[in-house]
Amino acid sequence: MKLMPCPLNGLRNISEFHCAGEVSELQDPALCDDEAWADHVIFSNNTAGVVREWWIHTPTSYWFIAERNTVTDEILQTYPANEAFKKRFDYTVPEGDG
């Protein structure tokens, strides 16, 4: 049984988690064009080696970041997202655009 350390729930069976893709530099949708925003949302680097990824502990809906070696599938470390991101973006739709 493969275990993964959750920053909130401790060691848990890997089947309780879902990977949601690579962590990328945050884009402010109000400051980029549609093509740049689509690239940010849809595409990933698909790096061979150590990457930072978004993971969710499904039973608790807790999102966090894991550093994982994509070649060996080894989880190197996990930590809360607020340790990596201090700035928050407002993703609300401006009036008249929705």
C-alpha atoms as a PDB file:
ATOM      1  CA  MET A   1       0.000   0.000   0.000  1.00  0.00           C
ATOM      2  CA  LYS A   2       1.447   3.355  -1.066  1.00  0.00           C
ATOM      3  CA  LEU A   3       1.047   6.205   1.425  1.00  0.00           C
ATOM      4  CA  MET A   4       1.099   9.950   0.881  1.00  0.00           C
ATOM      5  CA  PRO A   5       1.636  12.564   3.594  1.00  0.00           C
ATOM      6  CA  CYS A   6      -1.249  15.042   3.642  1.00  0.00           C
ATOM      7  CA  PRO A   7      -0.394  18.357   5.348  1.00  0.00           C
ATOM      8  CA  LEU A   8      -3.822  18.318   7.033  1.00  0.00           C
ATOM      9  CA  ASN A   9      -4.581  14.624   7.612  1.00  0.00           C
ATOM     10  CA  GLY A  10      -1.169  12.950   7.928  1.00  0.00           C
ATOM     11  CA  LEU A  11      -0.206   9.735   6.154  1.00  0.00           C
ATOM     12  CA  ARG A  12      -3.081   8.405   4.070  1.00  0.00           C
ATOM     13  CA  ASN A  13      -3.535   5.774   1.376  1.00  0.00           C
ATOM     14  CA  ILE A  14      -2.665   7.254  -2.045  1.00  0.00           C
ATOM     15  CA  SER A  15      -6.101   6.181  -3.311  1.00  0.00           C
ATOM     16  CA  GLU A  16      -7.621   9.025  -1.218  1.00  0.00           C
ATOM     17  CA  PHE A  17      -5.894  11.645  -3.400  1.00  0.00           C
ATOM     18  CA  HIS A  18      -6.240  13.066  -6.870  1.00  0.00           C
ATOM     19  CA  CYS A  19      -3.557  14.978  -8.776  1.00  0.00           C
ATOM     20  CA  ALA A  20      -4.814  18.055 -10.619  1.00  0.00           C
ATOM     21  CA  GLY A  21      -1.673  18.923 -12.565  1.00  0.00           C
ATOM     22  CA  GLU A  22       1.439  21.033 -12.332  1.00  0.00           C
ATOM     23  CA  VAL A  23       1.635  24.197 -10.313  1.00  0.00           C
ATOM     24  CA  SER A  24       2.364  27.074 -12.652  1.00  0.00           C
ATOM     25  CA  GLU A  25       2.982  30.758 -12.256  1.00  0.00           C
ATOM     26  CA  LEU A  26      -0.331  32.412 -11.495  1.00  0.00           C
ATOM     27  CA  GLN A  27      -1.754  34.612 -14.216  1.00  0.00           C
ATOM     28  CA  ASP A  28      -4.108  37.482 -13.502  1.00  0.00           C
ATOM     29  CA  PRO A  29      -6.926  36.991 -16.025  1.00  0.00           C
ATOM     30  CA  ALA A  30      -7.628  40.717 -15.991  1.00  0.00           C
ATOM     31  CA  LEU A  31      -4.102  41.425 -17.256  1.00  0.00           C
ATOM     32  CA  CYS A  32      -3.646  38.778 -19.968  1.00  0.00           C
ATOM     33  CA  ASP A  33      -5.363  38.103 -23.278  1.00  0.00           C
ATOM     34  CA  ASP A  34      -7.584  35.094 -23.960  1.00  0.00           C
ATOM     35  CA  GLU A  35      -4.798  33.080 -25.619  1.00  0.00           C
ATOM     36  CA  ALA A  36      -2.418  33.533 -22.663  1.00  0.00           C
ATOM     37  CA  TRP A  37      -5.198  32.621 -20.206  1.00  0.00           C
ATOM     38  CA  ALA A  38      -6.095  29.482 -22.216  1.00  0.00           C
ATOM     39  CA  ASP A  39      -2.413  28.442 -22.296  1.00  0.00           C
ATOM     40  CA  HIS A  40      -2.236  28.905 -18.523  1.00  0.00           C
ATOM     41  CA  VAL A  41      -5.369  26.855 -17.836  1.00  0.00           C
ATOM     42  CA  ILE A  42      -4.966  24.059 -20.397  1.00  0.00           C
ATOM     43  CA  PHE A  43      -1.286  23.338 -21.060  1.00  0.00           C
ATOM     44  CA  SER A  44       1.412  21.887 -18.799  1.00  0.00           C
ATOM     45  CA  ASN A  45       5.144  21.377 -19.225  1.00  0.00           C
ATOM     46  CA  ASN A  46       5.009  17.585 -18.687  1.00  0.00           C
ATOM     47  CA  THR A  47       8.455  17.730 -17.084  1.00  0.00           C
ATOM     48  CA  ALA A  48      10.462  14.559 -16.485  1.00  0.00           C
ATOM     49  CA  GLY A  49      11.881  14.982 -12.995  1.00  0.00           C
ATOM     50  CA  VAL A  50      10.824  16.912  -9.899  1.00  0.00           C
ATOM     51  CA  VAL A  51       7.653  18.994 -10.313  1.00  0.00           C
ATOM     52  CA  ARG A  52       5.257  20.825  -8.017  1.00  0.00           C
ATOM     53  CA  GLU A  53       1.686  19.602  -8.427  1.00  0.00           C
ATOM     54  CA  TRP A  54      -1.768  20.444  -7.108  1.00  0.00           C
ATOM     55  CA  TRP A  55      -3.267  17.562  -5.132  1.00  0.00           C
ATOM     56  CA  ILE A  56      -6.563  17.155  -3.316  1.00  0.00           C
ATOM     57  CA  HIS A  57      -7.383  14.850  -0.429  1.00  0.00           C
ATOM     58  CA  THR A  58     -10.765  13.775  -1.783  1.00  0.00           C
ATOM     59  CA  PRO A  59     -12.547  12.836   1.492  1.00  0.00           C
ATOM     60  CA  THR A  60     -11.878  16.275   3.017  1.00  0.00           C
ATOM     61  CA  SER A  61     -11.616  18.398  -0.170  1.00  0.00           C
ATOM     62  CA  TYR A  62      -8.292  19.729   1.105  1.00  0.00           C
ATOM     63  CA  TRP A  63      -6.047  21.179  -1.633  1.00  0.00           C
ATOM     64  CA  PHE A  64      -2.275  21.264  -1.190  1.00  0.00           C
ATOM     65  CA  ILE A  65       0.989  21.111  -3.132  1.00  0.00           C
ATOM     66  CA  ALA A  66       3.198  18.056  -3.528  1.00  0.00           C
ATOM     67  CA  GLU A  67       6.677  17.877  -4.975  1.00  0.00           C
ATOM     68  CA  ARG A  68       6.921  14.635  -6.930  1.00  0.00           C
ATOM     69  CA  ASN A  69       9.549  13.033  -9.124  1.00  0.00           C
ATOM     70  CA  THR A  70       7.626  12.136 -12.283  1.00  0.00           C
ATOM     71  CA  VAL A  71      10.298   9.614 -13.316  1.00  0.00           C
ATOM     72  CA  THR A  72      10.268   7.557 -10.091  1.00  0.00           C
ATOM     73  CA  ASP A  73       6.771   8.614  -8.877  1.00  0.00           C
ATOM     74  CA  GLU A  74       8.306   9.376  -5.454  1.00  0.00           C
ATOM     75  CA  ILE A  75       6.520  12.024  -3.360  1.00  0.00           C
ATOM     76  CA  LEU A  76       9.336  14.191  -1.997  1.00  0.00           C
ATOM     77  CA  GLN A  77       7.305  16.568   0.159  1.00  0.00           C
ATOM     78  CA  THR A  78       3.858  18.059   0.629  1.00  0.00           C
ATOM     79  CA  TYR A  79       2.809  21.427   2.045  1.00  0.00           C
ATOM     80  CA  PRO A  80      -0.164  23.795   2.259  1.00  0.00           C
ATOM     81  CA  ALA A  81      -0.667  26.006  -0.790  1.00  0.00           C
ATOM     82  CA  ASN A  82      -0.404  29.176   1.297  1.00  0.00           C
ATOM     83  CA  GLU A  83       3.280  28.392   1.866  1.00  0.00           C
ATOM     84  CA  ALA A  84       3.875  28.815  -1.876  1.00  0.00           C
ATOM     85  CA  PHE A  85       1.365  31.551  -2.704  1.00  0.00           C
ATOM     86  CA  LYS A  86       0.951  34.732  -0.697  1.00  0.00           C
ATOM     87  CA  LYS A  87      -0.998  36.742  -3.287  1.00  0.00           C
ATOM     88  CA  ARG A  88      -4.672  36.082  -4.006  1.00  0.00           C
ATOM     89  CA  PHE A  89      -6.520  36.983  -7.206  1.00  0.00           C
ATOM     90  CA  ASP A  90     -10.146  37.971  -7.523  1.00  0.00           C
ATOM     91  CA  TYR A  91     -11.538  35.813 -10.335  1.00  0.00           C
ATOM     92  CA  THR A  92     -14.962  37.415 -10.415  1.00  0.00           C
ATOM     93  CA  VAL A  93     -16.457  38.410 -13.747  1.00  0.00           C
ATOM     94  CA  PRO A  94     -16.687  42.209 -14.160  1.00  0.00           C
ATOM     95  CA  GLU A  95     -20.192  43.607 -14.543  1.00  0.00           C
ATOM     96  CA  GLY A  96     -21.423  43.525 -18.118  1.00  0.00           C
ATOM     97  CA  ASP A  97     -19.096  40.619 -19.121  1.00  0.00           C
ATOM     98  CA  GLY A  98     -21.263  37.767 -17.908  1.00  0.00           C
END
